[in-house]
Structures are given as C-alpha cells and as structure tokens.
C-alpha cells in the first residue's frame, strides 16, 4: 500500500500552522500562480490530498470544483475562512449551485 502525503496551499500563516503538525505546504504569494502550482501538485503521484487555505476567485473555485468532479485523486479540500462568514457561505452555495438551481427556478 502506498503512503500518500497531504499538502497545503495557502498564505504564510496557514502553511506555517500546518507545518507545525508535520504537513508540507507552499505559500501562494501571487493569486495568478495558484492554478499552475495546483496543476503541478495534482500531477505528483505521492500527494493524496491537497488542502487549499486561500481566498479564491470565482474562476479558481470553478476550476477546483470541476477538478473534483472529474478526478478521484488527489482529494481536494477547500478550507473555509472561519473569520469570514459571508465568504464561507458563498463557497458553500457555489459548490451546490447545480443542485440548488432547479429548486430556485420553481
């Protein structure tokens, strides 16, 4: 059985925090570089889970949700910002938009 690593992408505080419990990570300083960094990590066969601890644009959220729908590995977890309640709700609603849309059209 292969051991897969957990990896975190986030700001410096989150990467340091996860590093304290032994999880490797990378600080994403420039939002425009996020997708290319993510693609490099997702192609690494030793990584089984990627935690995304960043404020993401709508396009980036759409990209990650599409990736999750079409790929079994790695597992992607978009960590909510517990300090931003409205942002957390927006990500949750966007995630289930396809399910909720038919309900709102009635």
C-alpha atoms as a PDB file:
ATOM      1  CA  UNK A   1       0.000   0.000   0.000  1.00  0.00           C
ATOM      2  CA  UNK A   2       1.324   3.399  -0.955  1.00  0.00           C
ATOM      3  CA  UNK A   3       1.519   6.214   1.562  1.00  0.00           C
ATOM      4  CA  UNK A   4       0.189   9.451   0.167  1.00  0.00           C
ATOM      5  CA  UNK A   5       1.117  12.861   1.509  1.00  0.00           C
ATOM      6  CA  UNK A   6      -1.134  15.718   2.497  1.00  0.00           C
ATOM      7  CA  UNK A   7      -0.072  19.076   1.110  1.00  0.00           C
ATOM      8  CA  UNK A   8      -1.390  22.554   1.866  1.00  0.00           C
ATOM      9  CA  UNK A   9      -1.518  25.603  -0.387  1.00  0.00           C
ATOM     10  CA  UNK A  10      -2.127  28.823   1.465  1.00  0.00           C
ATOM     11  CA  UNK A  11      -0.898  32.056   2.909  1.00  0.00           C
ATOM     12  CA  UNK A  12       2.182  32.101   5.118  1.00  0.00           C
ATOM     13  CA  UNK A  13       0.226  31.753   8.386  1.00  0.00           C
ATOM     14  CA  UNK A  14      -1.662  28.654   7.241  1.00  0.00           C
ATOM     15  CA  UNK A  15       1.389  26.946   5.752  1.00  0.00           C
ATOM     16  CA  UNK A  16       3.340  27.546   8.977  1.00  0.00           C
ATOM     17  CA  UNK A  17       0.417  26.320  11.089  1.00  0.00           C
ATOM     18  CA  UNK A  18       0.081  23.089   9.112  1.00  0.00           C
ATOM     19  CA  UNK A  19       3.863  22.720   9.118  1.00  0.00           C
ATOM     20  CA  UNK A  20       3.797  22.576  12.910  1.00  0.00           C
ATOM     21  CA  UNK A  21       1.814  19.340  12.709  1.00  0.00           C
ATOM     22  CA  UNK A  22       4.047  17.886  10.007  1.00  0.00           C
ATOM     23  CA  UNK A  23       2.111  18.733   6.843  1.00  0.00           C
ATOM     24  CA  UNK A  24       4.165  20.099   3.958  1.00  0.00           C
ATOM     25  CA  UNK A  25       2.942  23.153   2.134  1.00  0.00           C
ATOM     26  CA  UNK A  26       3.658  26.005  -0.164  1.00  0.00           C
ATOM     27  CA  UNK A  27       2.932  29.680   0.301  1.00  0.00           C
ATOM     28  CA  UNK A  28       0.998  31.144  -2.623  1.00  0.00           C
ATOM     29  CA  UNK A  29       2.024  34.777  -2.793  1.00  0.00           C
ATOM     30  CA  UNK A  30       0.516  35.588  -6.171  1.00  0.00           C
ATOM     31  CA  UNK A  31      -3.095  34.547  -6.899  1.00  0.00           C
ATOM     32  CA  UNK A  32      -2.349  34.295 -10.622  1.00  0.00           C
ATOM     33  CA  UNK A  33       0.127  31.469  -9.931  1.00  0.00           C
ATOM     34  CA  UNK A  34      -2.375  29.344  -7.998  1.00  0.00           C
ATOM     35  CA  UNK A  35      -3.663  27.223 -10.912  1.00  0.00           C
ATOM     36  CA  UNK A  36      -0.193  26.386 -12.240  1.00  0.00           C
ATOM     37  CA  UNK A  37       1.032  25.471  -8.735  1.00  0.00           C
ATOM     38  CA  UNK A  38      -2.087  23.351  -8.212  1.00  0.00           C
ATOM     39  CA  UNK A  39      -1.628  21.542 -11.531  1.00  0.00           C
ATOM     40  CA  UNK A  40       1.985  20.697 -10.658  1.00  0.00           C
ATOM     41  CA  UNK A  41       0.924  19.283  -7.286  1.00  0.00           C
ATOM     42  CA  UNK A  42      -2.058  17.358  -8.625  1.00  0.00           C
ATOM     43  CA  UNK A  43       0.174  15.542 -11.100  1.00  0.00           C
ATOM     44  CA  UNK A  44       2.502  14.405  -8.280  1.00  0.00           C
ATOM     45  CA  UNK A  45       1.517  10.790  -7.568  1.00  0.00           C
ATOM     46  CA  UNK A  46       2.820  10.910  -3.980  1.00  0.00           C
ATOM     47  CA  UNK A  47       0.240  13.544  -2.966  1.00  0.00           C
ATOM     48  CA  UNK A  48      -3.108  12.111  -1.908  1.00  0.00           C
ATOM     49  CA  UNK A  49      -4.763  15.268  -0.579  1.00  0.00           C
ATOM     50  CA  UNK A  50      -4.390  18.993  -1.209  1.00  0.00           C
ATOM     51  CA  UNK A  51      -5.774  21.456   1.323  1.00  0.00           C
ATOM     52  CA  UNK A  52      -6.445  24.878  -0.171  1.00  0.00           C
ATOM     53  CA  UNK A  53      -6.354  27.550   2.540  1.00  0.00           C
ATOM     54  CA  UNK A  54      -6.669  30.675   0.404  1.00  0.00           C
ATOM     55  CA  UNK A  55      -9.230  33.241  -0.619  1.00  0.00           C
ATOM     56  CA  UNK A  56     -10.057  32.123  -4.139  1.00  0.00           C
ATOM     57  CA  UNK A  57     -11.587  33.895  -7.103  1.00  0.00           C
ATOM     58  CA  UNK A  58     -14.805  32.555  -8.641  1.00  0.00           C
ATOM     59  CA  UNK A  59     -12.834  31.177 -11.603  1.00  0.00           C
ATOM     60  CA  UNK A  60     -10.440  29.349  -9.288  1.00  0.00           C
ATOM     61  CA  UNK A  61     -13.325  27.863  -7.290  1.00  0.00           C
ATOM     62  CA  UNK A  62     -14.983  26.733 -10.526  1.00  0.00           C
ATOM     63  CA  UNK A  63     -11.713  25.156 -11.651  1.00  0.00           C
ATOM     64  CA  UNK A  64     -11.298  23.244  -8.370  1.00  0.00           C
ATOM     65  CA  UNK A  65     -14.912  22.058  -8.307  1.00  0.00           C
ATOM     66  CA  UNK A  66     -14.586  20.855 -11.908  1.00  0.00           C
ATOM     67  CA  UNK A  67     -11.342  19.096 -10.985  1.00  0.00           C
ATOM     68  CA  UNK A  68     -13.054  17.393  -8.040  1.00  0.00           C
ATOM     69  CA  UNK A  69     -15.896  16.177 -10.260  1.00  0.00           C
ATOM     70  CA  UNK A  70     -13.568  14.692 -12.867  1.00  0.00           C
ATOM     71  CA  UNK A  71     -10.701  13.271 -10.765  1.00  0.00           C
ATOM     72  CA  UNK A  72     -10.583  10.813  -7.911  1.00  0.00           C
ATOM     73  CA  UNK A  73      -7.066  11.717  -6.857  1.00  0.00           C
ATOM     74  CA  UNK A  74      -5.889  13.806  -5.129  1.00  0.00           C
ATOM     75  CA  UNK A  75      -8.663  14.698  -2.751  1.00  0.00           C
ATOM     76  CA  UNK A  76      -9.164  18.469  -2.704  1.00  0.00           C
ATOM     77  CA  UNK A  77     -10.361  20.233   0.428  1.00  0.00           C
ATOM     78  CA  UNK A  78     -11.166  23.933   0.192  1.00  0.00           C
ATOM     79  CA  UNK A  79     -10.713  25.147   3.730  1.00  0.00           C
ATOM     80  CA  UNK A  80     -13.252  27.797   4.701  1.00  0.00           C
ATOM     81  CA  UNK A  81     -12.037  31.042   6.191  1.00  0.00           C
ATOM     82  CA  UNK A  82     -13.560  30.852   9.657  1.00  0.00           C
ATOM     83  CA  UNK A  83     -13.059  34.580  10.114  1.00  0.00           C
ATOM     84  CA  UNK A  84     -15.129  35.462   7.011  1.00  0.00           C
ATOM     85  CA  UNK A  85     -18.653  34.061   7.474  1.00  0.00           C
ATOM     86  CA  UNK A  86     -20.032  35.559   4.242  1.00  0.00           C
ATOM     87  CA  UNK A  87     -17.155  34.164   2.168  1.00  0.00           C
ATOM     88  CA  UNK A  88     -17.650  30.708   3.654  1.00  0.00           C
ATOM     89  CA  UNK A  89     -21.355  30.744   2.762  1.00  0.00           C
ATOM     90  CA  UNK A  90     -20.555  31.918  -0.773  1.00  0.00           C
ATOM     91  CA  UNK A  91     -18.189  28.972  -1.365  1.00  0.00           C
ATOM     92  CA  UNK A  92     -20.755  26.549   0.052  1.00  0.00           C
ATOM     93  CA  UNK A  93     -23.554  27.925  -2.133  1.00  0.00           C
ATOM     94  CA  UNK A  94     -21.343  27.882  -5.239  1.00  0.00           C
ATOM     95  CA  UNK A  95     -20.409  24.281  -4.516  1.00  0.00           C
ATOM     96  CA  UNK A  96     -24.056  23.222  -4.514  1.00  0.00           C
ATOM     97  CA  UNK A  97     -25.264  25.701  -7.144  1.00  0.00           C
ATOM     98  CA  UNK A  98     -26.095  22.959  -9.673  1.00  0.00           C
ATOM     99  CA  UNK A  99     -28.284  21.224  -7.103  1.00  0.00           C
ATOM    100  CA  UNK A 100     -29.951  24.379  -5.818  1.00  0.00           C
ATOM    101  CA  UNK A 101     -30.585  25.996  -9.219  1.00  0.00           C
ATOM    102  CA  UNK A 102     -33.523  23.742 -10.201  1.00  0.00           C
ATOM    103  CA  UNK A 103     -35.098  24.396  -6.774  1.00  0.00           C
ATOM    104  CA  UNK A 104     -34.889  28.176  -7.124  1.00  0.00           C
ATOM    105  CA  UNK A 105     -36.482  28.157 -10.598  1.00  0.00           C
ATOM    106  CA  UNK A 106     -39.775  26.735  -9.289  1.00  0.00           C
END
